Amino acid sequence: MRWLVLLLLLANLLYLGWQIDRHSRREVQSAGAARHVSPDVPRLSLLAELPQMPPSRARGPGPEEAPPGAPAEDIGALLPELGEAPVVAADAGYSCFSYGPLPEERQATWLGDWFRSRQAEVRSRTSEDPGQRLFWVYLAPRESRQSAMAVVEDLKRQGIRDYRLISQGELGNAVSLGLFSSQEAVNARLRELKEKGFQPVVVPYSNVQRFYWLDVRVPAVPEILEELFQGYPSRYSSVPVQCSEIAMNGGSQ
């Protein structure tokens, strides 16, 4: 009985091997028939098989290539695109706008350059916001950094925490003790400091802020006006004004 089982197992193994070999031969025959190539198609050849080397070709720069050493990011992305100025007819009309307030002078400079590159007349001006009137309390400057640090340690020891040591400028080595908006608040601070043996100084303080404005007279050219409302200037607040309301003095400033 055992020999019969072994014979059946051997027969199964022989049959499986025959089926695998038959399947492989069919795949090879099918692949050969599907890859029939016309004799008109040139064959690929190795360089070593050619009678002579082909002539070399100069490679021109592709549109996707960047020049060597070009930075990944350019600050120009943050600046206005000046570009080439549109042609302005001699009899073109004008539109006038006032831009501002701009908190930084560089913003006014960049915006003014954008308009000047488009043959617009620009006048810049500034205004100041006096802000809130405050009272500044501080201890007069000491003769050295070491003396100033000794004052700071004395303030800490007596429970005064609201202070700042000034390290440079005309008031270097002075100790700032806060800004106060009312007379009552500054009087309370002075009493506290004098009771602990300090002699503070009080001066008026105003947090003045300067703003920048641009008055522009723009040629009424469709290309320029479209850029004005959709391009770089659109990020800043502006109002249209009568051109007679802004004096350009015959040119840009």
Protein backbone atom coordinates (compact mmCIF):
# COMPACT_ATOMS: atom_id res chain seq x y z
CA MET A 1 0.00 0.00 0.00
CA ARG A 2 2.83 2.38 0.82
CA TRP A 3 4.44 1.75 -2.60
CA LEU A 4 1.18 2.62 -4.33
CA VAL A 5 1.01 6.00 -2.53
CA LEU A 6 4.61 6.80 -3.51
CA LEU A 7 3.91 5.93 -7.18
CA LEU A 8 0.85 8.22 -7.26
CA LEU A 9 2.83 11.09 -5.70
CA LEU A 10 5.63 10.67 -8.23
CA ALA A 11 3.13 10.66 -11.10
CA ASN A 12 1.56 13.89 -9.84
CA LEU A 13 4.97 15.58 -9.65
CA LEU A 14 5.83 14.53 -13.21
CA TYR A 15 2.49 15.82 -14.50
CA LEU A 16 2.97 19.20 -12.72
CA GLY A 17 6.44 19.62 -14.26
CA TRP A 18 5.08 18.84 -17.74
CA GLN A 19 2.31 21.46 -17.34
CA ILE A 20 4.77 24.18 -16.23
CA ASP A 21 7.10 23.48 -19.15
CA ARG A 22 4.19 23.54 -21.62
CA HIS A 23 2.93 26.89 -20.28
CA SER A 24 6.39 28.48 -20.53
CA ARG A 25 6.84 27.42 -24.17
CA ARG A 26 3.45 28.92 -25.11
CA GLU A 27 4.37 32.28 -23.55
CA VAL A 28 7.65 32.42 -25.46
CA GLN A 29 5.88 31.69 -28.76
CA SER A 30 3.20 34.35 -28.10
CA ALA A 31 5.78 37.00 -27.21
CA GLY A 32 7.76 36.33 -30.37
CA ALA A 33 4.68 36.72 -32.55
CA ALA A 34 3.59 40.00 -30.87
CA ARG A 35 7.00 41.65 -31.26
CA HIS A 36 7.27 41.36 -35.02
CA VAL A 37 9.11 44.46 -36.30
CA SER A 38 8.93 45.74 -39.87
CA PRO A 39 12.23 45.58 -41.78
CA ASP A 40 11.84 49.33 -42.63
CA VAL A 41 12.31 50.34 -38.99
CA PRO A 42 15.98 51.17 -38.28
CA ARG A 43 17.68 49.13 -35.64
CA LEU A 44 19.38 50.58 -32.60
CA SER A 45 23.12 50.27 -32.73
CA LEU A 46 25.85 50.64 -30.17
CA LEU A 47 28.48 53.36 -30.69
CA ALA A 48 31.10 50.67 -31.05
CA GLU A 49 29.13 49.19 -34.00
CA LEU A 50 29.08 52.48 -36.01
CA PRO A 51 31.66 53.05 -38.78
CA GLN A 52 32.32 56.61 -37.47
CA MET A 53 31.21 58.81 -34.57
CA PRO A 54 28.21 61.12 -35.26
CA PRO A 55 28.85 64.92 -35.22
CA SER A 56 28.33 66.64 -31.85
CA ARG A 57 25.52 69.18 -31.38
CA ALA A 58 25.68 72.34 -29.28
CA ARG A 59 23.16 72.33 -26.47
CA GLY A 60 21.10 75.48 -26.04
CA PRO A 61 19.57 76.49 -22.73
CA GLY A 62 16.12 75.06 -22.22
CA PRO A 63 13.24 77.17 -20.91
CA GLU A 64 13.18 75.18 -17.69
CA GLU A 65 16.86 75.76 -16.88
CA ALA A 66 17.85 78.38 -14.33
CA PRO A 67 21.16 80.27 -14.66
CA PRO A 68 23.97 78.95 -12.46
CA GLY A 69 23.96 80.42 -8.98
CA ALA A 70 20.42 81.76 -9.22
CA PRO A 71 18.80 82.11 -5.76
CA ALA A 72 15.83 79.94 -4.91
CA GLU A 73 13.84 82.97 -3.80
CA ASP A 74 14.12 86.56 -4.95
CA ILE A 75 13.26 89.66 -2.93
CA GLY A 76 11.72 90.96 -6.15
CA ALA A 77 8.68 88.85 -5.33
CA LEU A 78 8.00 91.29 -2.51
CA LEU A 79 8.63 94.41 -4.61
CA PRO A 80 6.46 95.96 -7.32
CA GLU A 81 7.04 94.85 -10.89
CA LEU A 82 8.23 97.95 -12.69
CA GLY A 83 8.45 96.49 -16.18
CA GLU A 84 8.27 98.51 -19.37
CA ALA A 85 6.11 101.64 -19.28
CA PRO A 86 3.04 101.60 -21.56
CA VAL A 87 2.97 104.14 -24.36
CA VAL A 88 1.11 107.28 -23.28
CA ALA A 89 -0.41 109.50 -25.92
CA ALA A 90 0.31 113.22 -25.71
CA ASP A 91 -3.39 114.08 -25.34
CA ALA A 92 -4.14 111.37 -22.73
CA GLY A 93 -6.27 112.40 -19.80
CA TYR A 94 -5.36 111.84 -16.16
CA SER A 95 -6.84 110.25 -13.05
CA CYS A 96 -5.72 111.23 -9.56
CA PHE A 97 -5.56 109.21 -6.33
CA SER A 98 -4.32 109.66 -2.79
CA TYR A 99 -2.63 106.66 -1.12
CA GLY A 100 -2.19 106.27 2.62
CA PRO A 101 -1.64 106.25 5.43
CA LEU A 102 1.46 104.09 4.94
CA PRO A 103 3.22 103.16 8.22
CA GLU A 104 6.68 102.64 6.65
CA GLU A 105 8.75 104.95 4.47
CA ARG A 106 9.99 102.08 2.32
CA GLN A 107 6.40 101.26 1.33
CA ALA A 108 5.94 104.83 0.11
CA THR A 109 9.23 104.60 -1.80
CA TRP A 110 8.33 101.33 -3.54
CA LEU A 111 4.84 102.55 -4.41
CA GLY A 112 6.20 105.85 -5.73
CA ASP A 113 8.72 104.01 -7.94
CA TRP A 114 5.91 101.86 -9.35
CA PHE A 115 3.94 104.93 -10.41
CA ARG A 116 6.96 106.80 -11.77
CA SER A 117 7.81 103.82 -13.99
CA ARG A 118 4.38 104.32 -15.58
CA GLN A 119 4.93 108.01 -16.28
CA ALA A 120 2.75 109.11 -13.39
CA GLU A 121 3.42 112.24 -11.35
CA VAL A 122 3.97 111.58 -7.66
CA ARG A 123 3.98 113.83 -4.62
CA SER A 124 4.93 112.44 -1.22
CA ARG A 125 3.97 113.95 2.11
CA THR A 126 3.93 112.95 5.77
CA SER A 127 1.65 113.39 8.74
CA GLU A 128 2.10 112.74 12.44
CA ASP A 129 -0.30 111.28 14.94
CA PRO A 130 0.54 112.74 18.36
CA GLY A 131 -0.96 109.69 20.02
CA GLN A 132 -1.76 109.62 23.70
CA ARG A 133 -0.04 111.99 26.11
CA LEU A 134 1.71 109.99 28.81
CA PHE A 135 4.00 110.49 31.82
CA TRP A 136 7.30 108.64 31.93
CA VAL A 137 8.85 107.82 35.31
CA TYR A 138 12.50 106.77 35.51
CA LEU A 139 15.60 106.90 37.72
CA ALA A 140 18.38 109.11 36.42
CA PRO A 141 21.36 107.43 34.66
CA ARG A 142 24.17 106.10 36.87
CA GLU A 143 27.84 106.64 36.13
CA SER A 144 28.49 102.99 35.30
CA ARG A 145 26.75 99.75 34.45
CA GLN A 146 27.76 98.32 37.79
CA SER A 147 26.07 101.18 39.66
CA ALA A 148 22.93 100.77 37.55
CA MET A 149 22.79 97.04 38.33
CA ALA A 150 23.10 97.87 42.04
CA VAL A 151 19.99 100.08 41.71
CA VAL A 152 18.14 97.24 39.98
CA GLU A 153 19.04 94.86 42.82
CA ASP A 154 17.78 97.42 45.33
CA LEU A 155 14.47 97.69 43.46
CA LYS A 156 14.09 93.90 43.51
CA ARG A 157 14.88 93.73 47.21
CA GLN A 158 12.15 96.27 48.00
CA GLY A 159 9.51 94.47 45.92
CA ILE A 160 9.45 96.75 42.86
CA ARG A 161 9.16 94.57 39.76
CA ASP A 162 7.98 96.89 36.99
CA TYR A 163 11.28 98.30 35.69
CA ARG A 164 13.62 98.16 32.68
CA LEU A 165 17.32 98.96 32.54
CA ILE A 166 18.23 101.22 29.59
CA SER A 167 21.50 100.01 28.08
CA GLN A 168 22.31 102.63 25.42
CA GLY A 169 21.62 106.15 24.19
CA GLU A 170 21.55 109.40 26.11
CA LEU A 171 19.79 107.67 29.00
CA GLY A 172 22.12 104.69 29.14
CA ASN A 173 22.26 103.16 32.65
CA ALA A 174 18.95 104.79 33.59
CA VAL A 175 16.11 102.64 34.94
CA SER A 176 12.66 103.05 33.41
CA LEU A 177 9.79 102.65 35.87
CA GLY A 178 6.80 102.83 33.56
CA LEU A 179 4.50 105.00 31.45
CA PHE A 180 1.30 106.37 33.01
CA SER A 181 -1.71 107.91 31.32
CA SER A 182 -3.16 109.88 34.26
CA GLN A 183 -1.85 112.27 36.86
CA GLU A 184 -3.37 110.16 39.64
CA ALA A 185 -1.48 107.04 38.51
CA VAL A 186 1.86 108.82 38.26
CA ASN A 187 1.39 110.43 41.69
CA ALA A 188 0.76 107.03 43.26
CA ARG A 189 3.91 105.65 41.63
CA LEU A 190 5.99 108.60 42.86
CA ARG A 191 4.80 108.16 46.45
CA GLU A 192 5.67 104.46 46.39
CA LEU A 193 9.19 105.13 45.11
CA LYS A 194 9.93 108.04 47.46
CA GLU A 195 8.79 106.07 50.48
CA LYS A 196 11.42 103.46 49.57
CA GLY A 197 14.20 106.03 49.22
CA PHE A 198 14.28 106.56 45.45
CA GLN A 199 14.28 109.93 43.67
CA PRO A 200 12.44 109.38 40.37
CA VAL A 201 12.23 111.77 37.42
CA VAL A 202 8.95 112.51 35.61
CA VAL A 203 8.80 113.80 32.03
CA PRO A 204 5.90 114.15 29.56
CA TYR A 205 5.97 111.50 26.86
CA SER A 206 4.05 111.31 23.59
CA ASN A 207 4.09 108.23 21.36
CA VAL A 208 4.14 110.16 18.09
CA GLN A 209 3.74 108.02 14.96
CA ARG A 210 4.64 109.23 11.48
CA PHE A 211 2.59 108.21 8.43
CA TYR A 212 3.42 108.54 4.74
CA TRP A 213 1.08 109.58 1.92
CA LEU A 214 1.34 109.59 -1.87
CA ASP A 215 -0.67 111.79 -4.22
CA VAL A 216 -0.46 110.49 -7.78
CA ARG A 217 -1.61 111.74 -11.17
CA VAL A 218 -1.88 108.74 -13.49
CA PRO A 219 -2.31 108.78 -17.28
CA ALA A 220 -5.79 107.51 -18.12
CA VAL A 221 -4.44 104.57 -20.14
CA PRO A 222 -6.47 101.33 -19.83
CA GLU A 223 -3.37 99.18 -19.25
CA ILE A 224 -2.14 101.41 -16.40
CA LEU A 225 -5.55 101.71 -14.76
CA GLU A 226 -6.04 97.94 -14.88
CA GLU A 227 -2.67 97.41 -13.18
CA LEU A 228 -3.54 100.07 -10.63
CA PHE A 229 -6.70 98.31 -9.49
CA GLN A 230 -5.48 94.71 -9.81
CA GLY A 231 -1.70 94.86 -9.42
CA TYR A 232 0.78 96.06 -6.80
CA PRO A 233 -0.99 99.31 -5.73
CA SER A 234 -4.21 97.44 -4.90
CA ARG A 235 -2.73 96.24 -1.59
CA TYR A 236 -2.77 99.80 -0.23
CA SER A 237 -5.80 101.88 0.65
CA SER A 238 -6.53 104.79 -1.68
CA VAL A 239 -9.24 107.28 -2.56
CA PRO A 240 -9.87 108.98 -5.91
CA VAL A 241 -9.51 112.75 -5.78
CA GLN A 242 -9.91 115.67 -8.13
CA CYS A 243 -6.62 116.43 -9.86
CA SER A 244 -7.15 120.09 -9.00
CA GLU A 245 -6.97 119.17 -5.29
CA ILE A 246 -3.33 118.01 -5.45
CA ALA A 247 -0.53 120.35 -6.50
CA MET A 248 2.18 118.52 -8.39
CA ASN A 249 4.33 121.60 -9.05
CA GLY A 250 4.83 120.41 -12.59
CA GLY A 251 6.70 117.23 -11.76
CA SER A 252 7.41 114.31 -9.44
CA GLN A 253 8.82 114.61 -5.98
